[in-house]
Amino acid sequence: MPLTQVDQGLLGQYAQYTGFKNRIINGGMQVHQRGGTISASGTVNTYGVDRFAIRSTSGSVVTSMQQSTVAPTGFYNSLLCTVTTADTSLAADDLTCLFQRIEGVNVPDLNWGTLNAQPVTLSFWVRSNLTGTYGVGIQNNDGNRSYPSTYTISAANTWEYKTITIPGDTSGTWNLGTTSTALYVFFGLSAGSNFTGGTNNAWNASDRRGASGQVNWGATLNNNFYITGVQLEEGSTATSFDYRPYGTELALCQRYYYRNSQSGSATGTLGLGVSVSTTQSDIQIPFPVTMRSAPTFNYGGSPIVTDSIGYNLSVSSIANQYANQQAMRTFLNHAATATVRSPATLSHIASNSAFVELTAEL
C-alpha cells in the first residue's frame, strides 16, 4: 500500500530525528546547564554553553560567555562572547578561540587519515559589532594537522550565514571510532603569528587555530561575538540545520557534563546514601545517560546532608569518589552529629541554592 502524504511527512520527520547529520552537539545553543555568565581566561579550556569552550593561551584577552536570546530567524538562542579585558598588541603566542571538540565515535565515517577521507561542510550564523575577516577551521587532537580558513563579517550587528567546505585530510592521526577527541572545530577570535603563520584553505602540519589576515577581536573592550546554528556535516554542500528534539540534545550534552541544580524555597534532592560516621556520608549519584568516561564530581552552593533524625549537616569537602560511566559513589565530609548507618540525603534546604556536577568533557 503506498504511503499517504501524511505518512510521508511523519516518516520524513522521524528520519530527521533519528539521524546524526550534524556532528556538532548543541549547535543551536539551547542547552546551558552551567547557567549564567562565565568568565574565560588563562590556558585552561573554559566551558560555557554546553559543549562549547574558550581557550586563551596567554590569558591576555579575557572574555565572558553566556546564552543569549538574540538569534536569527529559525533559532531562539545563541552563544554570546564579550571582551572583558582587552589586548591591543598580540604577542606571537597569544590566542583566543572558541571551539567544540568532537568525539571519535561520532565521526568514524569521515575516514580521515586515509585515502578515503571525506570532505565536510561547516555552516553557522554569526554576528558581531566588529566587522572584518575572522579565522575558522578544524584541527586534530595532536595539534599537528590543521585547516585554517576565513570568513568575513560584512555588516556590524547583523546576522550573517556562513559556509566553509573542508577537504578530508588523508594524513595525520584522528582517533576515529574512539572516545577521545577526533577533531575540533575552532573559531579564532584573536591570534598571534604563531597561530596564523600557516597557509589558509589548506592542510597544515602544525598548530594553526587562527588564520592569516584575521581581525584581533580582543583588542577593544566590550566587543561582542554571537554565534548559533553551528553545523558540521559530511559532504561538500551545506544543508538545512539539523533540528533535534530538546530532550535529545540535552542527553547528548549530558554524556560530557551533567549538572543537578536545586534552588528556590523547596528542599531538593541531589543524591542518596548512608552515614558511615558522624562526620561522613556515602552518597550515590546515578547518571541520566551513560557518560563518555568515568566523570569527576564537584559541588557548589551550600549542599547539606540530612540524616534519619533530621539533622541538616553542612558539607565541607569531598573525602573520596569512585565512578564508572553510569553512576558515582562519593564520600562527603560534613558537620558532626550524623546518626551512623542511617539513610542520608544530599540536598539543599529552603532558600539555599546548591548543585552537583559531573564532568567527562573531552
Protein backbone atom coordinates (compact mmCIF):
# COMPACT_ATOMS: atom_id res chain seq x y z
CA MET A 1 0.00 0.00 0.00
CA PRO A 2 1.50 3.39 -0.97
CA LEU A 3 2.18 5.93 1.76
CA THR A 4 -0.18 8.89 2.08
CA GLN A 5 1.15 12.44 2.19
CA VAL A 6 0.63 12.44 5.96
CA ASP A 7 2.55 9.17 6.31
CA GLN A 8 5.39 10.53 4.18
CA GLY A 9 5.53 13.71 6.25
CA LEU A 10 5.72 11.79 9.52
CA LEU A 11 8.35 9.47 8.10
CA GLY A 12 10.39 12.46 6.99
CA GLN A 13 10.23 13.97 10.47
CA TYR A 14 11.20 10.66 12.08
CA ALA A 15 14.14 10.24 9.71
CA GLN A 16 15.31 13.74 10.58
CA TYR A 17 15.31 12.96 14.32
CA THR A 18 16.93 9.52 14.13
CA GLY A 19 19.93 10.60 12.08
CA PHE A 20 23.05 12.43 13.20
CA LYS A 21 23.72 14.66 10.23
CA ASN A 22 25.13 17.41 12.40
CA ARG A 23 28.25 16.26 14.25
CA ILE A 24 28.19 19.42 16.36
CA ILE A 25 26.26 18.95 19.61
CA ASN A 26 24.09 21.84 20.82
CA GLY A 27 24.75 23.87 17.69
CA GLY A 28 21.55 25.84 18.33
CA MET A 29 22.85 26.80 21.81
CA GLN A 30 19.68 25.54 23.50
CA VAL A 31 21.37 23.77 26.41
CA HIS A 32 23.23 25.74 29.09
CA GLN A 33 23.45 23.51 32.16
CA ARG A 34 26.11 25.63 33.88
CA GLY A 35 23.91 28.71 33.56
CA GLY A 36 24.68 32.39 33.96
CA THR A 37 27.69 34.30 32.66
CA ILE A 38 31.05 32.53 32.73
CA SER A 39 34.45 34.25 32.62
CA ALA A 40 37.17 32.69 30.45
CA SER A 41 40.86 33.46 30.84
CA GLY A 42 44.16 31.64 31.09
CA THR A 43 45.31 28.47 29.38
CA VAL A 44 42.55 26.15 30.61
CA ASN A 45 39.54 25.19 28.49
CA THR A 46 36.59 27.12 29.95
CA TYR A 47 33.18 25.69 29.08
CA GLY A 48 30.08 27.85 28.85
CA VAL A 49 27.02 26.95 26.79
CA ASP A 50 27.16 23.15 26.65
CA ARG A 51 29.91 21.58 24.50
CA PHE A 52 31.44 24.97 23.60
CA ALA A 53 34.59 26.27 25.27
CA ILE A 54 37.06 29.15 25.02
CA ARG A 55 40.81 28.90 25.45
CA SER A 56 43.21 31.81 25.78
CA THR A 57 46.82 30.63 25.60
CA SER A 58 48.26 33.73 27.24
CA GLY A 59 45.28 34.95 29.21
CA SER A 60 45.86 38.47 27.89
CA VAL A 61 42.32 38.63 26.49
CA VAL A 62 39.56 37.84 28.98
CA THR A 63 36.06 37.09 27.73
CA SER A 64 32.68 36.29 29.18
CA MET A 65 30.37 33.63 27.75
CA GLN A 66 26.62 33.36 28.15
CA GLN A 67 23.47 32.08 26.48
CA SER A 68 21.60 34.82 24.64
CA THR A 69 18.12 35.12 23.14
CA VAL A 70 19.47 37.35 20.36
CA ALA A 71 19.18 34.97 17.41
CA PRO A 72 18.39 34.87 13.68
CA THR A 73 15.05 33.68 12.33
CA GLY A 74 14.61 29.97 13.00
CA PHE A 75 16.60 29.99 16.23
CA TYR A 76 15.84 31.11 19.77
CA ASN A 77 19.29 31.06 21.36
CA SER A 78 22.87 31.98 20.56
CA LEU A 79 26.21 31.93 22.37
CA LEU A 80 27.45 35.43 23.23
CA CYS A 81 31.12 36.17 23.89
CA THR A 82 32.15 39.62 25.17
CA VAL A 83 35.62 41.12 25.67
CA THR A 84 36.04 41.99 29.36
CA THR A 85 39.82 42.60 29.29
CA ALA A 86 41.29 43.81 26.00
CA ASP A 87 44.72 43.26 24.43
CA THR A 88 45.62 45.70 21.66
CA SER A 89 49.05 44.23 20.92
CA LEU A 90 49.11 40.47 20.47
CA ALA A 91 52.30 38.55 21.17
CA ALA A 92 53.24 35.71 18.83
CA ASP A 93 51.82 33.07 21.18
CA ASP A 94 48.57 34.90 22.06
CA LEU A 95 45.38 33.11 21.11
CA THR A 96 41.71 33.34 21.99
CA CYS A 97 39.48 30.82 20.25
CA LEU A 98 36.01 29.38 20.68
CA PHE A 99 35.77 25.68 19.89
CA GLN A 100 33.99 22.37 20.19
CA ARG A 101 35.81 19.04 20.46
CA ILE A 102 34.17 16.13 18.60
CA GLU A 103 34.43 12.58 19.93
CA GLY A 104 35.89 9.91 17.65
CA VAL A 105 32.86 7.60 17.91
CA ASN A 106 30.78 10.33 16.23
CA VAL A 107 32.88 10.64 13.06
CA PRO A 108 34.20 7.19 12.03
CA ASP A 109 32.68 7.54 8.55
CA LEU A 110 34.90 10.52 7.69
CA ASN A 111 37.88 8.16 7.22
CA TRP A 112 40.36 10.95 7.86
CA GLY A 113 43.97 9.87 7.86
CA THR A 114 43.28 7.50 4.95
CA LEU A 115 43.00 7.76 1.17
CA ASN A 116 39.19 7.54 1.57
CA ALA A 117 38.97 10.77 3.61
CA GLN A 118 35.62 12.52 3.10
CA PRO A 119 35.03 16.29 2.87
CA VAL A 120 32.95 18.15 5.46
CA THR A 121 31.00 21.39 5.36
CA LEU A 122 30.76 23.77 8.29
CA SER A 123 27.88 26.25 8.41
CA PHE A 124 26.81 28.75 11.04
CA TRP A 125 25.12 32.08 11.77
CA VAL A 126 27.36 34.81 13.19
CA ARG A 127 27.07 38.42 14.33
CA SER A 128 29.45 40.98 15.85
CA ASN A 129 29.88 44.70 16.30
CA LEU A 130 33.37 44.27 14.77
CA THR A 131 33.39 43.72 11.02
CA GLY A 132 36.27 42.14 9.11
CA THR A 133 37.93 38.79 8.46
CA TYR A 134 37.74 36.07 11.12
CA GLY A 135 39.52 32.72 11.43
CA VAL A 136 37.77 29.35 11.44
CA GLY A 137 38.81 25.77 10.81
CA ILE A 138 39.47 22.25 12.05
CA GLN A 139 42.37 20.68 13.93
CA ASN A 140 43.25 17.20 15.18
CA ASN A 141 43.80 16.34 18.83
CA ASP A 142 47.60 16.22 18.47
CA GLY A 143 47.68 19.77 17.15
CA ASN A 144 49.86 18.79 14.18
CA ARG A 145 47.16 18.83 11.48
CA SER A 146 45.06 21.93 11.00
CA TYR A 147 42.99 23.54 8.27
CA PRO A 148 42.65 27.31 8.84
CA SER A 149 40.17 29.23 6.76
CA THR A 150 38.41 32.59 6.91
CA TYR A 151 35.00 34.20 6.68
CA THR A 152 34.02 37.87 6.66
CA ILE A 153 31.53 39.72 8.84
CA SER A 154 30.43 42.45 6.45
CA ALA A 155 27.86 44.41 8.45
CA ALA A 156 28.03 45.29 12.14
CA ASN A 157 25.37 43.91 14.48
CA THR A 158 23.72 41.92 11.69
CA TRP A 159 23.21 38.15 11.48
CA GLU A 160 25.08 36.60 8.55
CA TYR A 161 25.11 32.98 7.35
CA LYS A 162 28.49 31.41 6.53
CA THR A 163 29.55 28.10 4.95
CA ILE A 164 33.01 26.60 4.55
CA THR A 165 33.85 23.27 2.88
CA ILE A 166 36.97 21.47 4.06
CA PRO A 167 38.52 18.54 2.14
CA GLY A 168 39.10 15.37 4.12
CA ASP A 169 42.64 15.01 5.43
CA THR A 170 44.45 11.94 4.09
CA SER A 171 47.28 12.35 6.63
CA GLY A 172 47.65 12.59 10.37
CA THR A 173 46.13 10.80 13.36
CA TRP A 174 42.42 11.43 14.00
CA ASN A 175 41.32 8.97 16.75
CA LEU A 176 38.30 7.92 14.71
CA GLY A 177 35.96 5.47 16.47
CA THR A 178 37.42 6.18 19.92
CA THR A 179 36.09 8.06 22.95
CA SER A 180 38.93 10.57 22.63
CA THR A 181 38.92 13.81 20.63
CA ALA A 182 38.95 13.10 16.91
CA LEU A 183 38.87 16.70 15.79
CA TYR A 184 37.78 20.07 16.94
CA VAL A 185 36.15 22.95 15.17
CA PHE A 186 37.64 26.31 16.13
CA PHE A 187 36.58 29.92 15.68
CA GLY A 188 39.68 32.10 16.01
CA LEU A 189 38.83 35.40 17.68
CA SER A 190 42.34 36.73 18.37
CA ALA A 191 45.53 35.02 17.24
CA GLY A 192 49.25 35.87 17.26
CA SER A 193 51.65 34.96 14.49
CA ASN A 194 52.45 31.51 15.94
CA PHE A 195 48.85 30.50 15.18
CA THR A 196 48.31 32.38 11.90
CA GLY A 197 51.60 31.75 10.08
CA GLY A 198 50.33 28.82 8.05
CA THR A 199 48.55 28.63 4.69
CA ASN A 200 44.84 29.43 4.65
CA ASN A 201 42.45 26.95 2.98
CA ALA A 202 44.97 24.10 3.06
CA TRP A 203 46.02 21.36 5.47
CA ASN A 204 48.99 22.46 7.59
CA ALA A 205 51.25 20.10 9.53
CA SER A 206 51.20 22.50 12.51
CA ASP A 207 49.03 24.18 15.13
CA ARG A 208 47.01 26.85 13.30
CA ARG A 209 43.96 27.88 15.35
CA GLY A 210 43.75 31.26 13.68
CA ALA A 211 44.00 32.40 10.08
CA SER A 212 46.33 34.77 8.26
CA GLY A 213 44.81 38.24 7.99
CA GLN A 214 42.15 37.82 10.68
CA VAL A 215 40.98 40.60 13.00
CA ASN A 216 42.06 40.99 16.61
CA TRP A 217 38.58 40.78 18.11
CA GLY A 218 40.02 41.06 21.61
CA ALA A 219 41.56 44.49 21.02
CA THR A 220 38.59 46.51 22.25
CA LEU A 221 36.66 46.26 25.50
CA ASN A 222 33.03 45.12 25.09
CA ASN A 223 33.44 43.76 21.56
CA ASN A 224 30.77 41.10 21.12
CA PHE A 225 30.54 37.89 19.12
CA TYR A 226 27.31 35.91 18.69
CA ILE A 227 27.10 32.51 17.04
CA THR A 228 24.38 29.87 16.55
CA GLY A 229 23.16 27.27 14.07
CA VAL A 230 26.60 25.66 14.02
CA GLN A 231 26.58 22.54 11.85
CA LEU A 232 29.35 20.21 10.66
CA GLU A 233 28.22 17.59 8.15
CA GLU A 234 29.81 15.16 5.77
CA GLY A 235 29.84 16.31 2.17
CA SER A 236 30.63 19.39 0.09
CA THR A 237 27.27 21.17 0.45
CA ALA A 238 25.68 22.90 3.42
CA THR A 239 22.14 21.69 4.06
CA SER A 240 19.39 22.90 6.38
CA PHE A 241 20.12 22.88 10.11
CA ASP A 242 19.55 19.53 11.84
CA TYR A 243 16.90 20.42 14.44
CA ARG A 244 16.87 17.71 17.09
CA PRO A 245 14.31 17.50 19.92
CA TYR A 246 15.45 19.35 23.04
CA GLY A 247 15.47 16.13 25.08
CA THR A 248 17.78 14.51 22.54
CA GLU A 249 20.13 17.50 22.54
CA LEU A 250 20.19 17.59 26.34
CA ALA A 251 21.03 13.88 26.56
CA LEU A 252 23.85 14.32 24.03
CA CYS A 253 25.27 17.12 26.20
CA GLN A 254 24.91 15.09 29.41
CA ARG A 255 27.29 12.48 28.02
CA TYR A 256 30.04 15.06 28.71
CA TYR A 257 28.62 17.16 31.54
CA TYR A 258 25.72 16.69 33.95
CA ARG A 259 24.53 19.22 36.47
CA ASN A 260 21.75 18.76 39.02
CA SER A 261 20.82 22.24 40.24
CA GLN A 262 18.37 22.90 43.02
CA SER A 263 17.16 26.31 44.13
CA GLY A 264 14.12 28.05 45.47
CA SER A 265 12.05 27.51 48.58
CA ALA A 266 11.54 23.75 48.44
CA THR A 267 14.02 21.10 49.51
CA GLY A 268 15.68 19.41 46.52
CA THR A 269 17.44 16.04 46.43
CA LEU A 270 20.90 15.83 44.89
CA GLY A 271 21.86 12.26 45.94
CA LEU A 272 21.02 9.45 48.33
CA GLY A 273 23.17 7.28 50.59
CA VAL A 274 24.09 6.38 54.14
CA SER A 275 26.03 7.97 57.01
CA VAL A 276 29.23 5.95 57.57
CA SER A 277 30.31 8.04 60.56
CA THR A 278 29.12 11.08 62.45
CA THR A 279 31.10 13.32 60.07
CA GLN A 280 31.00 11.46 56.74
CA SER A 281 28.34 10.07 54.40
CA ASP A 282 28.48 7.72 51.42
CA ILE A 283 26.32 9.31 48.69
CA GLN A 284 25.22 7.59 45.46
CA ILE A 285 24.53 9.66 42.34
CA PRO A 286 23.10 7.90 39.26
CA PHE A 287 23.57 9.49 35.84
CA PRO A 288 20.70 10.22 33.42
CA VAL A 289 22.77 8.88 30.48
CA THR A 290 25.95 6.87 30.03
CA MET A 291 28.81 9.35 30.20
CA ARG A 292 31.81 9.39 27.89
CA SER A 293 34.14 8.26 30.68
CA ALA A 294 34.11 7.99 34.47
CA PRO A 295 33.49 11.63 35.45
CA THR A 296 34.89 13.83 38.18
CA PHE A 297 32.50 15.10 40.84
CA ASN A 298 32.14 18.57 42.25
CA TYR A 299 29.55 20.55 44.16
CA GLY A 300 28.71 24.19 44.67
CA GLY A 301 26.44 26.43 46.65
CA SER A 302 25.80 25.08 50.15
CA PRO A 303 24.58 21.48 49.99
CA ILE A 304 23.67 19.71 53.22
CA VAL A 305 23.40 16.08 54.31
CA THR A 306 20.19 15.20 56.15
CA ASP A 307 20.17 12.03 58.26
CA SER A 308 17.23 9.98 59.58
CA ILE A 309 16.93 12.15 62.69
CA GLY A 310 16.54 15.24 60.53
CA TYR A 311 19.87 16.93 61.22
CA ASN A 312 20.91 19.25 58.38
CA LEU A 313 24.71 18.99 58.22
CA SER A 314 26.79 21.35 56.06
CA VAL A 315 29.07 19.62 53.54
CA SER A 316 32.70 20.70 53.96
CA SER A 317 34.74 18.64 51.47
CA ILE A 318 34.98 15.57 49.26
CA ALA A 319 36.77 12.70 51.04
CA ASN A 320 36.85 10.30 48.09
CA GLN A 321 34.98 9.38 44.94
CA TYR A 322 34.51 6.30 42.78
CA ALA A 323 32.76 6.29 39.42
CA ASN A 324 32.10 4.42 36.23
CA GLN A 325 30.17 5.67 33.21
CA GLN A 326 26.75 5.03 34.78
CA ALA A 327 26.95 6.11 38.42
CA MET A 328 29.11 7.67 41.13
CA ARG A 329 29.79 6.96 44.76
CA THR A 330 31.25 9.87 46.69
CA PHE A 331 32.21 10.17 50.36
CA LEU A 332 31.45 13.64 51.68
CA ASN A 333 32.73 15.18 54.89
CA HIS A 334 30.21 17.26 56.79
CA ALA A 335 29.41 18.73 60.19
CA ALA A 336 29.25 16.31 63.11
CA THR A 337 26.33 14.52 64.83
CA ALA A 338 25.04 12.42 61.93
CA THR A 339 23.46 9.15 63.04
CA VAL A 340 25.82 6.35 61.97
CA ARG A 341 24.40 3.91 59.40
CA SER A 342 21.24 5.94 58.93
CA PRO A 343 19.86 6.91 55.50
CA ALA A 344 21.41 10.15 54.28
CA THR A 345 20.15 12.62 51.70
CA LEU A 346 22.36 15.13 49.91
CA SER A 347 20.16 18.16 49.27
CA HIS A 348 19.58 21.83 49.79
CA ILE A 349 17.21 23.40 52.27
CA ALA A 350 14.84 26.29 51.66
CA SER A 351 16.46 29.31 50.01
CA ASN A 352 19.85 27.57 49.96
CA SER A 353 20.84 27.02 46.32
CA ALA A 354 23.19 24.11 45.68
CA PHE A 355 24.28 21.86 42.84
CA VAL A 356 26.34 18.82 41.98
CA GLU A 357 28.16 18.46 38.68
CA LEU A 358 29.81 15.57 36.88
CA THR A 359 32.39 16.28 34.19
CA ALA A 360 33.64 13.96 31.44
CA GLU A 361 34.49 16.64 28.87
CA LEU A 362 36.97 15.90 26.11
